Every structure is written in C-alpha cells, then in structure tokens.
C-alpha cells in the first residue's frame, strides 16, 4: 500500500453527547474511516472516560465506511498496540 502524499479532504471524527432529564449521559462518535479495530475504540474510550467518567456501555463508536478514506493502519491486520498520536488526534478536539 502506498503512503499518502497529500491531503485532498480532511477526515473527521464527529461526536454527539446526549443527556436525559435524570442526568444519564451517552456519547455517539463516528469517523470517516472504512473501519477500525475494537482495541482502537477501547483506547479512545479510555481516554474519554478518564476525563468524563462515562461508563463504557454509554459510548458507541462507529465508522461511516468510506472507501475513499486512507488506510490508517488500523483496518488491515489486528494489532495490540495503538499509536498514541492517533488516539490523541481522535480525542484531542472535544467540546464541552
């Protein structure tokens, strides 16, 4: 697979945080990637939970399944390590 040489369009992670009248919160996050492994979403969840206290069952991470998105090295062979810069890029731009 050939590495990317430029950026034609930005790739986003979008999140929707919901809270009901009783204060129960949930987060739905989606990426523009074709797919990613569960260990990556677990790492993203851990980063979010450490700051928010959100329970794992209240966090859903999805992919738009865009075949035009570049490979980020997480949708080929399963790995046990997660590149920290990818977790930070995913979690780094959050809003209160």
C-alpha atoms as a PDB file:
ATOM      1  CA  UNK A   1       0.000   0.000   0.000  1.00  0.00           C
ATOM      2  CA  UNK A   2       1.375   3.407  -0.990  1.00  0.00           C
ATOM      3  CA  UNK A   3       1.589   6.044   1.792  1.00  0.00           C
ATOM      4  CA  UNK A   4      -0.420   9.241   1.362  1.00  0.00           C
ATOM      5  CA  UNK A   5       1.457  12.137  -0.194  1.00  0.00           C
ATOM      6  CA  UNK A   6      -1.018  14.958   0.394  1.00  0.00           C
ATOM      7  CA  UNK A   7      -4.374  15.855   1.903  1.00  0.00           C
ATOM      8  CA  UNK A   8      -7.260  16.295  -0.510  1.00  0.00           C
ATOM      9  CA  UNK A   9     -10.022  16.454   2.087  1.00  0.00           C
ATOM     10  CA  UNK A  10      -9.992  16.486   5.865  1.00  0.00           C
ATOM     11  CA  UNK A  11     -11.111  13.418   7.792  1.00  0.00           C
ATOM     12  CA  UNK A  12     -13.331  13.991  10.794  1.00  0.00           C
ATOM     13  CA  UNK A  13     -14.457  12.329  13.971  1.00  0.00           C
ATOM     14  CA  UNK A  14     -17.862  13.667  14.948  1.00  0.00           C
ATOM     15  CA  UNK A  15     -19.462  13.131  18.331  1.00  0.00           C
ATOM     16  CA  UNK A  16     -22.918  13.649  19.770  1.00  0.00           C
ATOM     17  CA  UNK A  17     -23.263  13.780  23.555  1.00  0.00           C
ATOM     18  CA  UNK A  18     -26.738  13.217  24.982  1.00  0.00           C
ATOM     19  CA  UNK A  19     -28.109  13.675  28.490  1.00  0.00           C
ATOM     20  CA  UNK A  20     -31.619  12.815  29.681  1.00  0.00           C
ATOM     21  CA  UNK A  21     -33.668  14.544  32.376  1.00  0.00           C
ATOM     22  CA  UNK A  22     -32.214  12.201  35.018  1.00  0.00           C
ATOM     23  CA  UNK A  23     -28.626  13.138  34.117  1.00  0.00           C
ATOM     24  CA  UNK A  24     -27.795   9.894  32.291  1.00  0.00           C
ATOM     25  CA  UNK A  25     -25.244  10.617  29.572  1.00  0.00           C
ATOM     26  CA  UNK A  26     -24.231   8.800  26.394  1.00  0.00           C
ATOM     27  CA  UNK A  27     -21.865   9.583  23.523  1.00  0.00           C
ATOM     28  CA  UNK A  28     -22.116   8.505  19.883  1.00  0.00           C
ATOM     29  CA  UNK A  29     -18.905   9.058  17.896  1.00  0.00           C
ATOM     30  CA  UNK A  30     -18.404   8.353  14.195  1.00  0.00           C
ATOM     31  CA  UNK A  31     -15.383   8.556  11.903  1.00  0.00           C
ATOM     32  CA  UNK A  32     -14.943   8.906   8.159  1.00  0.00           C
ATOM     33  CA  UNK A  33     -12.913   5.667   8.057  1.00  0.00           C
ATOM     34  CA  UNK A  34     -13.978   2.431   6.386  1.00  0.00           C
ATOM     35  CA  UNK A  35     -13.390   0.519   9.598  1.00  0.00           C
ATOM     36  CA  UNK A  36     -11.186   0.198  12.652  1.00  0.00           C
ATOM     37  CA  UNK A  37     -10.395  -2.463  15.231  1.00  0.00           C
ATOM     38  CA  UNK A  38     -12.050  -2.671  18.644  1.00  0.00           C
ATOM     39  CA  UNK A  39      -8.774  -2.172  20.510  1.00  0.00           C
ATOM     40  CA  UNK A  40      -8.564   1.311  18.944  1.00  0.00           C
ATOM     41  CA  UNK A  41     -12.067   2.260  20.068  1.00  0.00           C
ATOM     42  CA  UNK A  42     -11.199   0.881  23.517  1.00  0.00           C
ATOM     43  CA  UNK A  43      -8.161   3.185  23.685  1.00  0.00           C
ATOM     44  CA  UNK A  44     -10.274   6.168  22.600  1.00  0.00           C
ATOM     45  CA  UNK A  45     -12.921   5.262  25.174  1.00  0.00           C
ATOM     46  CA  UNK A  46     -10.298   5.011  27.945  1.00  0.00           C
ATOM     47  CA  UNK A  47      -9.021   8.497  27.087  1.00  0.00           C
ATOM     48  CA  UNK A  48     -12.558   9.910  27.177  1.00  0.00           C
ATOM     49  CA  UNK A  49     -13.556   8.024  30.339  1.00  0.00           C
ATOM     50  CA  UNK A  50     -10.511   9.245  32.243  1.00  0.00           C
ATOM     51  CA  UNK A  51     -11.785  12.818  31.892  1.00  0.00           C
ATOM     52  CA  UNK A  52     -15.557  12.316  31.851  1.00  0.00           C
ATOM     53  CA  UNK A  53     -16.296   9.234  33.953  1.00  0.00           C
ATOM     54  CA  UNK A  54     -18.577   7.967  31.168  1.00  0.00           C
ATOM     55  CA  UNK A  55     -19.434   4.258  31.533  1.00  0.00           C
ATOM     56  CA  UNK A  56     -18.305   2.004  28.644  1.00  0.00           C
ATOM     57  CA  UNK A  57     -21.852   0.872  27.845  1.00  0.00           C
ATOM     58  CA  UNK A  58     -22.768   4.525  27.208  1.00  0.00           C
ATOM     59  CA  UNK A  59     -20.142   5.038  24.498  1.00  0.00           C
ATOM     60  CA  UNK A  60     -20.708   3.957  20.877  1.00  0.00           C
ATOM     61  CA  UNK A  61     -18.012   4.352  18.207  1.00  0.00           C
ATOM     62  CA  UNK A  62     -18.967   3.831  14.547  1.00  0.00           C
ATOM     63  CA  UNK A  63     -17.445   4.208  11.083  1.00  0.00           C
ATOM     64  CA  UNK A  64     -19.127   5.760   8.057  1.00  0.00           C
ATOM     65  CA  UNK A  65     -17.437   3.044   5.960  1.00  0.00           C
ATOM     66  CA  UNK A  66     -15.998   5.462   3.419  1.00  0.00           C
ATOM     67  CA  UNK A  67     -13.931   3.570   0.832  1.00  0.00           C
ATOM     68  CA  UNK A  68     -12.253   6.821  -0.209  1.00  0.00           C
ATOM     69  CA  UNK A  69     -10.615   7.295   3.190  1.00  0.00           C
ATOM     70  CA  UNK A  70      -6.933   6.462   3.566  1.00  0.00           C
ATOM     71  CA  UNK A  71      -5.715   3.457   5.467  1.00  0.00           C
ATOM     72  CA  UNK A  72      -4.674   4.432   8.977  1.00  0.00           C
ATOM     73  CA  UNK A  73      -3.051   1.106   9.639  1.00  0.00           C
ATOM     74  CA  UNK A  74      -5.880   0.024  11.882  1.00  0.00           C
ATOM     75  CA  UNK A  75      -8.117  -1.609   9.312  1.00  0.00           C
ATOM     76  CA  UNK A  76      -5.699  -4.199   7.958  1.00  0.00           C
ATOM     77  CA  UNK A  77      -4.115  -6.626  10.427  1.00  0.00           C
ATOM     78  CA  UNK A  78      -5.146  -6.641  14.093  1.00  0.00           C
ATOM     79  CA  UNK A  79      -2.601  -5.088  16.431  1.00  0.00           C
ATOM     80  CA  UNK A  80      -2.409  -4.891  20.183  1.00  0.00           C
ATOM     81  CA  UNK A  81      -0.668  -1.525  20.371  1.00  0.00           C
ATOM     82  CA  UNK A  82      -2.392   1.728  19.481  1.00  0.00           C
ATOM     83  CA  UNK A  83      -0.306   4.615  18.143  1.00  0.00           C
ATOM     84  CA  UNK A  84      -0.754   7.296  20.814  1.00  0.00           C
ATOM     85  CA  UNK A  85      -0.816  10.093  18.221  1.00  0.00           C
ATOM     86  CA  UNK A  86      -3.899   8.501  16.630  1.00  0.00           C
ATOM     87  CA  UNK A  87      -5.711   8.356  19.974  1.00  0.00           C
ATOM     88  CA  UNK A  88      -4.756  11.972  20.696  1.00  0.00           C
ATOM     89  CA  UNK A  89      -5.883  13.093  17.243  1.00  0.00           C
ATOM     90  CA  UNK A  90      -9.217  11.344  17.762  1.00  0.00           C
ATOM     91  CA  UNK A  91      -9.863  12.602  21.288  1.00  0.00           C
ATOM     92  CA  UNK A  92      -7.906  15.855  21.165  1.00  0.00           C
ATOM     93  CA  UNK A  93     -10.607  18.065  19.693  1.00  0.00           C
ATOM     94  CA  UNK A  94     -13.530  17.749  22.028  1.00  0.00           C
ATOM     95  CA  UNK A  95     -16.042  20.347  23.148  1.00  0.00           C
ATOM     96  CA  UNK A  96     -17.754  20.740  26.498  1.00  0.00           C
END
